[in-house]
Amino acid sequence: DTAMRVTANMAEGRFGTSLSVADIKSLLAQEITRIMEPVAKPLPLYAKKPQVVLVVGVNGSGKTTTIGKLASQFKTAGKTVVIAAGDTFRAAAVEQLQIWGDRAGVPVLTAPEGSDPASLAFDAMTKAEADGADLLMIDTAGRLQNRADLMEELAKIVRVIRKKDPEAPHNTLLVLDATTGQNAVLQVETFQRLADVSGLVMTKLDGTAKGGVLVALADKFGLPIHAIGVGEQIDDLAPFDPEEFAAALTGTRLGTRP
């Protein structure tokens, strides 16, 4: 559907016109930019303390890395941050989050392997409130193989943190891997049902043009794209720029027009 709309918009008023490959690429870049501009929005920050950010996504999407990078950015901006390592069934995820927390200089709350993630989330809320933290970022499990269990786990986390703050979580970020292609559409649909997603972060967009599925996601769901991961370093998380993205995807230079 997205491809057909893009094609129709590019063709409008140009029947019988001879266009070079460069012209077509430029028109495509303009059309992609038009679709993406409304969803290019940074993560909103609120006066409410702590602002609770629930982070969801399948295992391997770059979720843990994204939490570390966001925490580092917020700390650099003068915010106090607490991280809860809520994927308690994966020791590797907890260890990785502790490493990122150390790099960012942000405390990471953990629980013994296999512990109840909702209980950890409650403890993290208590600590974040006591510390006067600006942000609490909660990692979650990404096991889509058993969606009923995951849905109940996420729902329980939300129920527990709402005992502390009826409006929490204030943001629910879905982290997507750019290399998964059209499978990302299914992931958005699934996590929308599981966790009421409020915004997206796309990882692994470094190097060659990737992430074309973002165009379909923007067209279909209209969810804000808060940031993109462009590398492995702690500062390799950039705001989403529609023009840059369109130029990379189509192989054109910024600002060129037919």
C-alpha atoms as a PDB file:
ATOM      1  CA  ASP A   1       0.000   0.000   0.000  1.00  0.00           C
ATOM      2  CA  THR A   2       2.775   2.428   0.936  1.00  0.00           C
ATOM      3  CA  ALA A   3       4.714   1.703  -2.266  1.00  0.00           C
ATOM      4  CA  MET A   4       1.620   2.280  -4.412  1.00  0.00           C
ATOM      5  CA  ARG A   5       0.867   5.611  -2.718  1.00  0.00           C
ATOM      6  CA  VAL A   6       4.479   6.739  -3.102  1.00  0.00           C
ATOM      7  CA  THR A   7       4.464   5.777  -6.794  1.00  0.00           C
ATOM      8  CA  ALA A   8       1.162   7.560  -7.411  1.00  0.00           C
ATOM      9  CA  ASN A   9       2.388  10.743  -5.719  1.00  0.00           C
ATOM     10  CA  MET A  10       5.632  10.700  -7.713  1.00  0.00           C
ATOM     11  CA  ALA A  11       3.738  10.224 -10.976  1.00  0.00           C
ATOM     12  CA  GLU A  12       1.190  12.959 -10.313  1.00  0.00           C
ATOM     13  CA  GLY A  13       1.426  15.677 -12.972  1.00  0.00           C
ATOM     14  CA  ARG A  14       4.389  14.012 -14.678  1.00  0.00           C
ATOM     15  CA  PHE A  15       2.765  11.722 -17.270  1.00  0.00           C
ATOM     16  CA  GLY A  16       4.653  11.914 -20.534  1.00  0.00           C
ATOM     17  CA  THR A  17       7.636  13.565 -18.856  1.00  0.00           C
ATOM     18  CA  SER A  18      11.065  12.069 -19.464  1.00  0.00           C
ATOM     19  CA  LEU A  19      12.952  11.606 -16.195  1.00  0.00           C
ATOM     20  CA  SER A  20      16.493  10.403 -15.597  1.00  0.00           C
ATOM     21  CA  VAL A  21      17.379   7.846 -12.929  1.00  0.00           C
ATOM     22  CA  ALA A  22      18.753  10.708 -10.832  1.00  0.00           C
ATOM     23  CA  ASP A  23      15.452  12.586 -11.199  1.00  0.00           C
ATOM     24  CA  ILE A  24      13.459   9.547 -10.088  1.00  0.00           C
ATOM     25  CA  LYS A  25      15.737   9.006  -7.081  1.00  0.00           C
ATOM     26  CA  SER A  26      15.374  12.654  -6.119  1.00  0.00           C
ATOM     27  CA  LEU A  27      11.572  12.519  -6.408  1.00  0.00           C
ATOM     28  CA  LEU A  28      11.540   9.344  -4.322  1.00  0.00           C
ATOM     29  CA  ALA A  29      13.708  10.992  -1.658  1.00  0.00           C
ATOM     30  CA  GLN A  30      11.305  13.953  -1.520  1.00  0.00           C
ATOM     31  CA  GLU A  31       8.299  11.658  -1.156  1.00  0.00           C
ATOM     32  CA  ILE A  32       9.988   9.609   1.595  1.00  0.00           C
ATOM     33  CA  THR A  33      10.924  12.827   3.421  1.00  0.00           C
ATOM     34  CA  ARG A  34       7.291  13.987   3.217  1.00  0.00           C
ATOM     35  CA  ILE A  35       6.078  10.724   4.784  1.00  0.00           C
ATOM     36  CA  MET A  36       8.736  10.692   7.503  1.00  0.00           C
ATOM     37  CA  GLU A  37       8.709  14.340   8.639  1.00  0.00           C
ATOM     38  CA  PRO A  38       5.550  14.068  10.805  1.00  0.00           C
ATOM     39  CA  VAL A  39       7.007  11.164  12.832  1.00  0.00           C
ATOM     40  CA  ALA A  40      10.492  12.615  13.460  1.00  0.00           C
ATOM     41  CA  LYS A  41      10.085  13.627  17.105  1.00  0.00           C
ATOM     42  CA  PRO A  42      12.511  13.429  20.040  1.00  0.00           C
ATOM     43  CA  LEU A  43      11.456  11.553  23.157  1.00  0.00           C
ATOM     44  CA  PRO A  44       9.249  14.015  25.075  1.00  0.00           C
ATOM     45  CA  LEU A  45      10.482  14.948  28.540  1.00  0.00           C
ATOM     46  CA  TYR A  46       8.007  15.847  31.270  1.00  0.00           C
ATOM     47  CA  ALA A  47       8.230  17.755  34.531  1.00  0.00           C
ATOM     48  CA  LYS A  48       6.859  14.674  36.312  1.00  0.00           C
ATOM     49  CA  LYS A  49       9.477  12.859  38.425  1.00  0.00           C
ATOM     50  CA  PRO A  50      10.343  10.146  37.856  1.00  0.00           C
ATOM     51  CA  GLN A  51       9.340   9.946  34.202  1.00  0.00           C
ATOM     52  CA  VAL A  52       8.945   6.210  33.627  1.00  0.00           C
ATOM     53  CA  VAL A  53      10.144   4.879  30.270  1.00  0.00           C
ATOM     54  CA  LEU A  54       9.240   1.250  29.567  1.00  0.00           C
ATOM     55  CA  VAL A  55      11.466  -0.225  26.844  1.00  0.00           C
ATOM     56  CA  VAL A  56      10.200  -3.222  24.867  1.00  0.00           C
ATOM     57  CA  GLY A  57      11.419  -5.241  21.884  1.00  0.00           C
ATOM     58  CA  VAL A  58      12.465  -8.716  20.823  1.00  0.00           C
ATOM     59  CA  ASN A  59      15.729 -10.211  22.048  1.00  0.00           C
ATOM     60  CA  GLY A  60      18.603  -9.104  19.825  1.00  0.00           C
ATOM     61  CA  SER A  61      16.949  -5.874  18.679  1.00  0.00           C
ATOM     62  CA  GLY A  62      19.477  -3.673  20.479  1.00  0.00           C
ATOM     63  CA  LYS A  63      17.111  -2.872  23.350  1.00  0.00           C
ATOM     64  CA  THR A  64      19.714  -3.061  26.113  1.00  0.00           C
ATOM     65  CA  THR A  65      22.226  -1.015  24.123  1.00  0.00           C
ATOM     66  CA  THR A  66      19.567   1.612  23.384  1.00  0.00           C
ATOM     67  CA  ILE A  67      18.740   1.969  27.084  1.00  0.00           C
ATOM     68  CA  GLY A  68      22.426   2.521  27.860  1.00  0.00           C
ATOM     69  CA  LYS A  69      22.800   5.122  25.120  1.00  0.00           C
ATOM     70  CA  LEU A  70      19.623   6.993  26.099  1.00  0.00           C
ATOM     71  CA  ALA A  71      20.650   6.974  29.758  1.00  0.00           C
ATOM     72  CA  SER A  72      24.039   8.423  28.797  1.00  0.00           C
ATOM     73  CA  GLN A  73      22.427  11.171  26.702  1.00  0.00           C
ATOM     74  CA  PHE A  74      20.007  12.142  29.468  1.00  0.00           C
ATOM     75  CA  LYS A  75      22.787  12.186  32.072  1.00  0.00           C
ATOM     76  CA  THR A  76      24.922  14.379  29.803  1.00  0.00           C
ATOM     77  CA  ALA A  77      21.919  16.719  29.522  1.00  0.00           C
ATOM     78  CA  GLY A  78      21.880  17.034  33.321  1.00  0.00           C
ATOM     79  CA  LYS A  79      19.136  14.518  34.104  1.00  0.00           C
ATOM     80  CA  THR A  80      19.370  11.939  36.882  1.00  0.00           C
ATOM     81  CA  VAL A  81      18.556   8.456  35.616  1.00  0.00           C
ATOM     82  CA  VAL A  82      17.871   5.057  37.187  1.00  0.00           C
ATOM     83  CA  ILE A  83      17.815   1.843  35.112  1.00  0.00           C
ATOM     84  CA  ALA A  84      15.915  -1.319  36.066  1.00  0.00           C
ATOM     85  CA  ALA A  85      17.264  -4.531  34.502  1.00  0.00           C
ATOM     86  CA  GLY A  86      13.813  -6.058  34.048  1.00  0.00           C
ATOM     87  CA  ASP A  87      14.777  -8.910  31.715  1.00  0.00           C
ATOM     88  CA  THR A  88      15.478 -11.003  34.797  1.00  0.00           C
ATOM     89  CA  PHE A  89      15.410 -14.357  32.997  1.00  0.00           C
ATOM     90  CA  ARG A  90      18.459 -13.532  30.842  1.00  0.00           C
ATOM     91  CA  ALA A  91      21.623 -13.123  32.880  1.00  0.00           C
ATOM     92  CA  ALA A  92      23.481 -11.868  29.795  1.00  0.00           C
ATOM     93  CA  ALA A  93      20.982  -9.011  29.357  1.00  0.00           C
ATOM     94  CA  VAL A  94      21.419  -7.960  32.983  1.00  0.00           C
ATOM     95  CA  GLU A  95      25.225  -8.072  32.713  1.00  0.00           C
ATOM     96  CA  GLN A  96      25.176  -6.064  29.479  1.00  0.00           C
ATOM     97  CA  LEU A  97      22.934  -3.439  31.057  1.00  0.00           C
ATOM     98  CA  GLN A  98      25.291  -3.169  34.044  1.00  0.00           C
ATOM     99  CA  ILE A  99      28.191  -2.543  31.653  1.00  0.00           C
ATOM    100  CA  TRP A 100      26.234   0.186  29.846  1.00  0.00           C
ATOM    101  CA  GLY A 101      25.179   1.669  33.197  1.00  0.00           C
ATOM    102  CA  ASP A 102      28.819   1.810  34.315  1.00  0.00           C
ATOM    103  CA  ARG A 103      29.793   3.539  31.069  1.00  0.00           C
ATOM    104  CA  ALA A 104      26.994   6.071  31.450  1.00  0.00           C
ATOM    105  CA  GLY A 105      27.548   6.560  35.176  1.00  0.00           C
ATOM    106  CA  VAL A 106      23.944   5.542  35.891  1.00  0.00           C
ATOM    107  CA  PRO A 107      22.805   3.133  38.652  1.00  0.00           C
ATOM    108  CA  VAL A 108      21.340  -0.178  37.438  1.00  0.00           C
ATOM    109  CA  LEU A 109      18.962  -2.054  39.715  1.00  0.00           C
ATOM    110  CA  THR A 110      19.092  -5.833  39.331  1.00  0.00           C
ATOM    111  CA  ALA A 111      17.440  -8.872  40.882  1.00  0.00           C
ATOM    112  CA  PRO A 112      18.496 -12.536  41.068  1.00  0.00           C
ATOM    113  CA  GLU A 113      18.043 -14.467  37.826  1.00  0.00           C
ATOM    114  CA  GLY A 114      14.444 -15.602  37.386  1.00  0.00           C
ATOM    115  CA  SER A 115      13.038 -13.019  39.824  1.00  0.00           C
ATOM    116  CA  ASP A 116       9.673 -11.359  39.262  1.00  0.00           C
ATOM    117  CA  PRO A 117      10.296  -8.385  36.906  1.00  0.00           C
ATOM    118  CA  ALA A 118       7.285  -6.517  38.332  1.00  0.00           C
ATOM    119  CA  SER A 119       8.764  -6.695  41.824  1.00  0.00           C
ATOM    120  CA  LEU A 120      12.028  -5.242  40.501  1.00  0.00           C
ATOM    121  CA  ALA A 121      10.083  -2.489  38.690  1.00  0.00           C
ATOM    122  CA  PHE A 122       8.342  -1.595  41.967  1.00  0.00           C
ATOM    123  CA  ASP A 123      11.670  -1.449  43.830  1.00  0.00           C
ATOM    124  CA  ALA A 124      13.116   0.689  41.033  1.00  0.00           C
ATOM    125  CA  MET A 125      10.167   3.102  41.262  1.00  0.00           C
ATOM    126  CA  THR A 126      10.721   3.335  45.022  1.00  0.00           C
ATOM    127  CA  LYS A 127      14.443   4.106  44.537  1.00  0.00           C
ATOM    128  CA  ALA A 128      13.807   6.588  41.708  1.00  0.00           C
ATOM    129  CA  GLU A 129      11.279   8.447  43.873  1.00  0.00           C
ATOM    130  CA  ALA A 130      13.566   8.424  46.915  1.00  0.00           C
ATOM    131  CA  ASP A 131      16.509   9.687  44.844  1.00  0.00           C
ATOM    132  CA  GLY A 132      14.411  12.372  43.131  1.00  0.00           C
ATOM    133  CA  ALA A 133      15.446  10.884  39.774  1.00  0.00           C
ATOM    134  CA  ASP A 134      14.220  12.541  36.599  1.00  0.00           C
ATOM    135  CA  LEU A 135      13.938   9.311  34.623  1.00  0.00           C
ATOM    136  CA  LEU A 136      13.429   5.628  35.316  1.00  0.00           C
ATOM    137  CA  MET A 137      14.160   3.350  32.358  1.00  0.00           C
ATOM    138  CA  ILE A 138      12.828  -0.207  32.648  1.00  0.00           C
ATOM    139  CA  ASP A 139      14.192  -2.992  30.442  1.00  0.00           C
ATOM    140  CA  THR A 140      11.796  -5.858  29.719  1.00  0.00           C
ATOM    141  CA  ALA A 141      11.881  -9.383  28.337  1.00  0.00           C
ATOM    142  CA  GLY A 142      11.621  -9.898  24.584  1.00  0.00           C
ATOM    143  CA  ARG A 143      10.398 -13.457  24.336  1.00  0.00           C
ATOM    144  CA  LEU A 144       7.777 -13.404  21.604  1.00  0.00           C
ATOM    145  CA  GLN A 145       7.697 -17.214  21.434  1.00  0.00           C
ATOM    146  CA  ASN A 146       5.180 -17.250  24.277  1.00  0.00           C
ATOM    147  CA  ARG A 147       3.147 -14.092  23.831  1.00  0.00           C
ATOM    148  CA  ALA A 148       0.571 -14.900  26.520  1.00  0.00           C
ATOM    149  CA  ASP A 149       3.298 -15.090  29.196  1.00  0.00           C
ATOM    150  CA  LEU A 150       5.000 -11.955  27.909  1.00  0.00           C
ATOM    151  CA  MET A 151       1.714 -10.049  27.762  1.00  0.00           C
ATOM    152  CA  GLU A 152       0.957 -10.970  31.366  1.00  0.00           C
ATOM    153  CA  GLU A 153       4.511 -10.067  32.439  1.00  0.00           C
ATOM    154  CA  LEU A 154       4.320  -6.618  30.815  1.00  0.00           C
ATOM    155  CA  ALA A 155       0.786  -6.048  32.119  1.00  0.00           C
ATOM    156  CA  LYS A 156       1.927  -6.920  35.645  1.00  0.00           C
ATOM    157  CA  ILE A 157       4.855  -4.476  35.424  1.00  0.00           C
ATOM    158  CA  VAL A 158       2.440  -1.736  34.363  1.00  0.00           C
ATOM    159  CA  ARG A 159      -0.038  -2.613  37.153  1.00  0.00           C
ATOM    160  CA  VAL A 160       2.694  -2.493  39.775  1.00  0.00           C
ATOM    161  CA  ILE A 161       4.241   0.821  38.712  1.00  0.00           C
ATOM    162  CA  ARG A 162       0.759   2.368  38.496  1.00  0.00           C
ATOM    163  CA  LYS A 163       0.374   1.720  42.216  1.00  0.00           C
ATOM    164  CA  LYS A 164       3.128   4.302  42.572  1.00  0.00           C
ATOM    165  CA  ASP A 165       2.017   6.554  39.701  1.00  0.00           C
ATOM    166  CA  PRO A 166      -1.370   6.022  37.984  1.00  0.00           C
ATOM    167  CA  GLU A 167      -0.054   7.733  34.817  1.00  0.00           C
ATOM    168  CA  ALA A 168       3.025   5.514  34.388  1.00  0.00           C
ATOM    169  CA  PRO A 169       4.614   4.431  32.145  1.00  0.00           C
ATOM    170  CA  HIS A 170       4.838   7.863  30.563  1.00  0.00           C
ATOM    171  CA  ASN A 171       6.570   6.451  27.460  1.00  0.00           C
ATOM    172  CA  THR A 172       6.694   2.946  26.022  1.00  0.00           C
ATOM    173  CA  LEU A 173       9.528   2.657  23.511  1.00  0.00           C
ATOM    174  CA  LEU A 174       9.717  -0.187  21.009  1.00  0.00           C
ATOM    175  CA  VAL A 175      13.260  -0.907  19.805  1.00  0.00           C
ATOM    176  CA  LEU A 176      13.443  -2.361  16.269  1.00  0.00           C
ATOM    177  CA  ASP A 177      16.379  -3.837  14.345  1.00  0.00           C
ATOM    178  CA  ALA A 178      16.729  -2.231  10.886  1.00  0.00           C
ATOM    179  CA  THR A 179      17.895  -5.519   9.391  1.00  0.00           C
ATOM    180  CA  THR A 180      14.646  -7.382  10.174  1.00  0.00           C
ATOM    181  CA  GLY A 181      12.838  -5.855   7.188  1.00  0.00           C
ATOM    182  CA  GLN A 182       9.096  -6.404   6.927  1.00  0.00           C
ATOM    183  CA  ASN A 183       9.097  -8.479  10.121  1.00  0.00           C
ATOM    184  CA  ALA A 184       9.259  -5.114  11.895  1.00  0.00           C
ATOM    185  CA  VAL A 185       5.629  -4.469  10.881  1.00  0.00           C
ATOM    186  CA  LEU A 186       4.562  -7.633  12.722  1.00  0.00           C
ATOM    187  CA  GLN A 187       6.641  -6.627  15.747  1.00  0.00           C
ATOM    188  CA  VAL A 188       4.946  -3.215  15.941  1.00  0.00           C
ATOM    189  CA  GLU A 189       1.497  -4.810  15.654  1.00  0.00           C
ATOM    190  CA  THR A 190       2.362  -7.359  18.363  1.00  0.00           C
ATOM    191  CA  PHE A 191       3.886  -4.922  20.847  1.00  0.00           C
ATOM    192  CA  GLN A 192       1.084  -2.418  20.242  1.00  0.00           C
ATOM    193  CA  ARG A 193      -1.250  -5.079  21.624  1.00  0.00           C
ATOM    194  CA  LEU A 194       1.153  -6.135  24.390  1.00  0.00           C
ATOM    195  CA  ALA A 195       2.323  -2.774  25.660  1.00  0.00           C
ATOM    196  CA  ASP A 196       0.597   0.224  23.991  1.00  0.00           C
ATOM    197  CA  VAL A 197       3.740   1.509  22.262  1.00  0.00           C
ATOM    198  CA  SER A 198       4.164   5.313  22.210  1.00  0.00           C
ATOM    199  CA  GLY A 199       7.325   5.630  20.082  1.00  0.00           C
ATOM    200  CA  LEU A 200      10.062   3.809  18.160  1.00  0.00           C
ATOM    201  CA  VAL A 201      13.852   3.580  18.125  1.00  0.00           C
ATOM    202  CA  MET A 202      15.456   1.919  15.077  1.00  0.00           C
ATOM    203  CA  THR A 203      18.854   0.299  15.639  1.00  0.00           C
ATOM    204  CA  LYS A 204      21.618  -0.988  13.335  1.00  0.00           C
ATOM    205  CA  LEU A 205      21.186   1.767  10.760  1.00  0.00           C
ATOM    206  CA  ASP A 206      24.950   2.283  10.480  1.00  0.00           C
ATOM    207  CA  GLY A 207      26.733   1.873   7.163  1.00  0.00           C
ATOM    208  CA  THR A 208      24.732   1.029   4.056  1.00  0.00           C
ATOM    209  CA  ALA A 209      21.182   2.181   3.373  1.00  0.00           C
ATOM    210  CA  LYS A 210      18.906   0.097   5.566  1.00  0.00           C
ATOM    211  CA  GLY A 211      15.646   0.493   7.364  1.00  0.00           C
ATOM    212  CA  GLY A 212      13.361   1.071   4.386  1.00  0.00           C
ATOM    213  CA  VAL A 213      10.647  -0.604   6.438  1.00  0.00           C
ATOM    214  CA  LEU A 214      10.551   2.601   8.516  1.00  0.00           C
ATOM    215  CA  VAL A 215       8.697   4.239   5.618  1.00  0.00           C
ATOM    216  CA  ALA A 216       5.992   1.570   5.787  1.00  0.00           C
ATOM    217  CA  LEU A 217       5.855   1.861   9.588  1.00  0.00           C
ATOM    218  CA  ALA A 218       5.456   5.640   9.434  1.00  0.00           C
ATOM    219  CA  ASP A 219       2.744   5.327   6.790  1.00  0.00           C
ATOM    220  CA  LYS A 220       0.866   2.524   8.579  1.00  0.00           C
ATOM    221  CA  PHE A 221       1.179   3.407  12.271  1.00  0.00           C
ATOM    222  CA  GLY A 222       2.282   7.060  12.468  1.00  0.00           C
ATOM    223  CA  LEU A 223       4.270   6.366  15.651  1.00  0.00           C
ATOM    224  CA  PRO A 224       6.990   8.903  16.525  1.00  0.00           C
ATOM    225  CA  ILE A 225      10.538   7.810  15.669  1.00  0.00           C
ATOM    226  CA  HIS A 226      12.581   9.177  18.552  1.00  0.00           C
ATOM    227  CA  ALA A 227      16.092   8.078  17.595  1.00  0.00           C
ATOM    228  CA  ILE A 228      18.210   5.786  15.440  1.00  0.00           C
ATOM    229  CA  GLY A 229      21.196   3.651  16.427  1.00  0.00           C
ATOM    230  CA  VAL A 230      24.133   4.179  14.076  1.00  0.00           C
ATOM    231  CA  GLY A 231      26.972   2.300  15.795  1.00  0.00           C
ATOM    232  CA  GLU A 232      28.210   0.502  18.888  1.00  0.00           C
ATOM    233  CA  GLN A 233      29.651   3.440  20.840  1.00  0.00           C
ATOM    234  CA  ILE A 234      27.744   5.015  23.709  1.00  0.00           C
ATOM    235  CA  ASP A 235      27.108   8.228  21.760  1.00  0.00           C
ATOM    236  CA  ASP A 236      26.015   6.419  18.574  1.00  0.00           C
ATOM    237  CA  LEU A 237      22.330   7.224  19.018  1.00  0.00           C
ATOM    238  CA  ALA A 238      21.158  10.082  16.818  1.00  0.00           C
ATOM    239  CA  PRO A 239      17.918  12.029  16.396  1.00  0.00           C
ATOM    240  CA  PHE A 240      15.921  10.790  13.416  1.00  0.00           C
ATOM    241  CA  ASP A 241      16.471  13.132  10.433  1.00  0.00           C
ATOM    242  CA  PRO A 242      13.938  12.474   7.617  1.00  0.00           C
ATOM    243  CA  GLU A 243      16.002  14.178   4.884  1.00  0.00           C
ATOM    244  CA  GLU A 244      19.215  12.358   5.780  1.00  0.00           C
ATOM    245  CA  PHE A 245      17.332   9.067   6.004  1.00  0.00           C
ATOM    246  CA  ALA A 246      15.653   9.572   2.608  1.00  0.00           C
ATOM    247  CA  ALA A 247      18.957  10.547   0.986  1.00  0.00           C
ATOM    248  CA  ALA A 248      20.723   7.457   2.389  1.00  0.00           C
ATOM    249  CA  LEU A 249      17.878   5.174   1.350  1.00  0.00           C
ATOM    250  CA  THR A 250      17.741   6.450  -2.234  1.00  0.00           C
ATOM    251  CA  GLY A 251      21.445   7.145  -2.753  1.00  0.00           C
ATOM    252  CA  THR A 252      20.918  10.849  -3.395  1.00  0.00           C
ATOM    253  CA  ARG A 253      22.592  13.959  -2.037  1.00  0.00           C
ATOM    254  CA  LEU A 254      20.725  16.126   0.434  1.00  0.00           C
ATOM    255  CA  GLY A 255      18.797  18.953  -1.157  1.00  0.00           C
ATOM    256  CA  THR A 256      18.870  17.728  -4.772  1.00  0.00           C
ATOM    257  CA  ARG A 257      15.722  18.193  -6.843  1.00  0.00           C
ATOM    258  CA  PRO A 258      14.851  17.221 -10.418  1.00  0.00           C
END
